């Protein structure tokens, strides 16, 4: 991984750790950072890591907001 990408990953991880310590793992700001890290991994082609983080974020959002999938109207 190029140096700049490694530094970017480290910054995301530090931000996530800080938010988890400050607000907990279920806070929406923390979950936003989890989602951003997932996008970073996806863009790097690290699909399994991206999926893991996306699923973590989704589970957290559903826990906080409730599961609204039944509210979605399918066309």
N, C-alpha and C. Protein backbone atom coordinates (compact mmCIF):
# COMPACT_ATOMS: atom_id res chain seq x y z
N UNK A 1 0.85 -1.17 0.00
CA UNK A 1 0.00 0.00 0.00
C UNK A 1 0.90 1.24 0.00
N UNK A 2 0.62 2.19 -0.89
CA UNK A 2 1.41 3.42 -0.91
C UNK A 2 1.37 4.14 0.44
N UNK A 3 2.43 4.86 0.72
CA UNK A 3 2.58 5.54 2.01
C UNK A 3 1.39 6.45 2.33
N UNK A 4 0.93 7.22 1.36
CA UNK A 4 -0.19 8.14 1.63
C UNK A 4 -1.47 7.38 1.98
N UNK A 5 -1.70 6.26 1.32
CA UNK A 5 -2.88 5.46 1.64
C UNK A 5 -2.76 4.85 3.03
N UNK A 6 -1.56 4.42 3.39
CA UNK A 6 -1.33 3.88 4.73
C UNK A 6 -1.58 4.96 5.78
N UNK A 7 -1.11 6.17 5.52
CA UNK A 7 -1.34 7.27 6.46
C UNK A 7 -2.83 7.59 6.57
N UNK A 8 -3.54 7.57 5.45
CA UNK A 8 -4.97 7.84 5.47
C UNK A 8 -5.69 6.79 6.31
N UNK A 9 -5.34 5.52 6.11
CA UNK A 9 -5.95 4.44 6.89
C UNK A 9 -5.69 4.64 8.37
N UNK A 10 -4.46 4.98 8.72
CA UNK A 10 -4.11 5.20 10.12
C UNK A 10 -4.91 6.34 10.73
N UNK A 11 -5.15 7.40 9.94
CA UNK A 11 -5.96 8.52 10.44
C UNK A 11 -7.40 8.09 10.69
N UNK A 12 -7.98 7.32 9.76
CA UNK A 12 -9.33 6.81 9.96
C UNK A 12 -9.41 5.95 11.22
N UNK A 13 -8.44 5.07 11.38
CA UNK A 13 -8.44 4.17 12.54
C UNK A 13 -8.30 4.97 13.83
N UNK A 14 -7.42 5.97 13.85
CA UNK A 14 -7.27 6.82 15.05
C UNK A 14 -8.56 7.58 15.34
N UNK A 15 -9.19 8.10 14.29
CA UNK A 15 -10.44 8.83 14.49
C UNK A 15 -11.51 7.90 15.05
N UNK A 16 -11.57 6.69 14.52
CA UNK A 16 -12.55 5.72 15.01
C UNK A 16 -12.29 5.38 16.47
N UNK A 17 -11.05 5.14 16.82
CA UNK A 17 -10.71 4.82 18.21
C UNK A 17 -11.08 5.97 19.14
N UNK A 18 -10.79 7.19 18.72
CA UNK A 18 -11.12 8.35 19.54
C UNK A 18 -12.61 8.51 19.74
N UNK A 19 -13.38 8.32 18.68
CA UNK A 19 -14.83 8.44 18.80
C UNK A 19 -15.41 7.33 19.65
N UNK A 20 -14.87 6.12 19.51
CA UNK A 20 -15.34 5.01 20.34
C UNK A 20 -15.08 5.30 21.82
N UNK A 21 -13.93 5.88 22.12
CA UNK A 21 -13.60 6.21 23.50
C UNK A 21 -14.46 7.35 24.02
N UNK A 22 -14.69 8.36 23.19
CA UNK A 22 -15.42 9.54 23.62
C UNK A 22 -16.93 9.31 23.68
N UNK A 23 -17.49 8.68 22.64
CA UNK A 23 -18.94 8.58 22.53
C UNK A 23 -19.47 7.15 22.54
N UNK A 24 -18.59 6.18 22.41
CA UNK A 24 -19.03 4.80 22.37
C UNK A 24 -19.23 4.30 20.94
N UNK A 25 -19.34 3.01 20.83
CA UNK A 25 -19.39 2.38 19.50
C UNK A 25 -20.74 2.53 18.81
N UNK A 26 -21.76 2.95 19.54
CA UNK A 26 -23.10 3.04 18.96
C UNK A 26 -23.53 4.46 18.61
N UNK A 27 -22.67 5.42 18.85
CA UNK A 27 -22.99 6.81 18.53
C UNK A 27 -22.97 7.00 17.02
N UNK A 28 -23.88 7.82 16.51
CA UNK A 28 -23.97 7.98 15.05
C UNK A 28 -22.69 8.56 14.45
N UNK A 29 -22.00 9.42 15.16
CA UNK A 29 -20.74 9.96 14.65
C UNK A 29 -19.70 8.85 14.52
N UNK A 30 -19.67 7.95 15.49
CA UNK A 30 -18.77 6.81 15.42
C UNK A 30 -19.14 5.92 14.23
N UNK A 31 -20.43 5.68 14.07
CA UNK A 31 -20.89 4.84 12.96
C UNK A 31 -20.60 5.49 11.61
N UNK A 32 -20.65 6.81 11.53
CA UNK A 32 -20.28 7.50 10.29
C UNK A 32 -18.82 7.23 9.95
N UNK A 33 -17.96 7.22 10.96
CA UNK A 33 -16.54 6.96 10.73
C UNK A 33 -16.33 5.50 10.32
N UNK A 34 -17.08 4.58 10.91
CA UNK A 34 -17.02 3.18 10.49
C UNK A 34 -17.39 3.08 9.01
N UNK A 35 -18.47 3.77 8.63
CA UNK A 35 -18.89 3.76 7.23
C UNK A 35 -17.83 4.36 6.32
N UNK A 36 -17.21 5.45 6.73
CA UNK A 36 -16.16 6.08 5.93
C UNK A 36 -14.96 5.15 5.77
N UNK A 37 -14.62 4.43 6.81
CA UNK A 37 -13.52 3.48 6.72
C UNK A 37 -13.89 2.34 5.77
N UNK A 38 -15.15 1.93 5.78
CA UNK A 38 -15.62 0.91 4.84
C UNK A 38 -15.46 1.39 3.39
N UNK A 39 -15.82 2.63 3.14
CA UNK A 39 -15.66 3.19 1.79
C UNK A 39 -14.19 3.22 1.41
N UNK A 40 -13.34 3.60 2.34
CA UNK A 40 -11.90 3.60 2.07
C UNK A 40 -11.43 2.21 1.67
N UNK A 41 -11.82 1.20 2.46
CA UNK A 41 -11.43 -0.17 2.14
C UNK A 41 -11.97 -0.60 0.78
N UNK A 42 -13.22 -0.26 0.48
CA UNK A 42 -13.81 -0.62 -0.81
C UNK A 42 -13.00 -0.01 -1.95
N UNK A 43 -12.65 1.24 -1.80
CA UNK A 43 -11.87 1.92 -2.85
C UNK A 43 -10.47 1.35 -3.00
N UNK A 44 -9.99 0.68 -1.97
CA UNK A 44 -8.68 0.04 -2.03
C UNK A 44 -8.78 -1.39 -2.55
N UNK A 45 -9.98 -1.86 -2.82
CA UNK A 45 -10.18 -3.22 -3.29
C UNK A 45 -10.14 -4.25 -2.17
N UNK A 46 -10.22 -3.79 -0.95
CA UNK A 46 -10.19 -4.68 0.23
C UNK A 46 -11.64 -5.02 0.60
N UNK A 47 -12.23 -5.86 -0.24
CA UNK A 47 -13.66 -6.08 -0.22
C UNK A 47 -14.15 -6.71 1.09
N UNK A 48 -13.46 -7.71 1.60
CA UNK A 48 -13.92 -8.35 2.83
C UNK A 48 -13.89 -7.39 4.01
N UNK A 49 -12.82 -6.60 4.10
CA UNK A 49 -12.74 -5.61 5.18
C UNK A 49 -13.82 -4.56 5.04
N UNK A 50 -14.07 -4.14 3.79
CA UNK A 50 -15.13 -3.16 3.53
C UNK A 50 -16.48 -3.72 3.93
N UNK A 51 -16.76 -4.95 3.54
CA UNK A 51 -18.04 -5.55 3.88
C UNK A 51 -18.22 -5.65 5.39
N UNK A 52 -17.16 -6.07 6.08
CA UNK A 52 -17.23 -6.17 7.54
C UNK A 52 -17.58 -4.82 8.16
N UNK A 53 -16.95 -3.76 7.68
CA UNK A 53 -17.20 -2.43 8.25
C UNK A 53 -18.59 -1.92 7.86
N UNK A 54 -19.01 -2.17 6.60
CA UNK A 54 -20.35 -1.76 6.19
C UNK A 54 -21.41 -2.46 7.06
N UNK A 55 -21.21 -3.75 7.31
CA UNK A 55 -22.17 -4.50 8.12
C UNK A 55 -22.18 -3.99 9.57
N UNK A 56 -21.01 -3.64 10.07
CA UNK A 56 -20.93 -3.07 11.43
C UNK A 56 -21.70 -1.76 11.49
N UNK A 57 -21.49 -0.90 10.49
CA UNK A 57 -22.18 0.39 10.46
C UNK A 57 -23.68 0.18 10.33
N UNK A 58 -24.09 -0.69 9.43
CA UNK A 58 -25.52 -0.94 9.22
C UNK A 58 -26.17 -1.46 10.49
N UNK A 59 -25.53 -2.42 11.13
CA UNK A 59 -26.07 -2.96 12.38
C UNK A 59 -26.19 -1.88 13.44
N UNK A 60 -25.20 -1.03 13.52
CA UNK A 60 -25.23 0.06 14.50
C UNK A 60 -26.33 1.06 14.21
N UNK A 61 -26.47 1.44 12.94
CA UNK A 61 -27.53 2.38 12.57
C UNK A 61 -28.90 1.78 12.85
N UNK A 62 -29.07 0.50 12.53
CA UNK A 62 -30.36 -0.14 12.79
C UNK A 62 -30.65 -0.21 14.28
N UNK A 63 -29.62 -0.42 15.07
CA UNK A 63 -29.79 -0.47 16.52
C UNK A 63 -30.21 0.90 17.06
N UNK A 64 -29.59 1.95 16.53
CA UNK A 64 -29.87 3.30 16.99
C UNK A 64 -31.21 3.81 16.46
N UNK A 65 -31.42 3.63 15.17
CA UNK A 65 -32.58 4.20 14.49
C UNK A 65 -33.76 3.24 14.39
N UNK A 66 -33.50 1.96 14.54
CA UNK A 66 -34.53 0.95 14.31
C UNK A 66 -34.45 0.47 12.87
N UNK A 67 -34.96 -0.70 12.63
CA UNK A 67 -34.94 -1.28 11.29
C UNK A 67 -36.16 -0.78 10.53
N UNK A 68 -35.93 0.05 9.53
CA UNK A 68 -37.01 0.62 8.74
C UNK A 68 -37.20 -0.09 7.42
N UNK A 69 -36.63 -1.29 7.27
CA UNK A 69 -36.73 -1.98 5.98
C UNK A 69 -38.18 -2.27 5.62
N UNK A 70 -39.03 -2.47 6.61
CA UNK A 70 -40.45 -2.71 6.32
C UNK A 70 -41.13 -1.45 5.80
N UNK A 71 -40.52 -0.29 6.02
CA UNK A 71 -41.10 0.97 5.57
C UNK A 71 -40.74 1.29 4.12
N UNK A 72 -39.82 0.53 3.54
CA UNK A 72 -39.36 0.80 2.18
C UNK A 72 -40.37 0.24 1.20
N UNK A 73 -40.81 1.08 0.28
CA UNK A 73 -41.74 0.64 -0.73
C UNK A 73 -40.94 0.19 -1.95
N UNK A 74 -41.11 -1.04 -2.30
CA UNK A 74 -40.40 -1.61 -3.45
C UNK A 74 -41.22 -1.37 -4.70
N UNK A 75 -40.56 -0.94 -5.74
CA UNK A 75 -41.25 -0.67 -7.00
C UNK A 75 -41.23 -1.88 -7.89
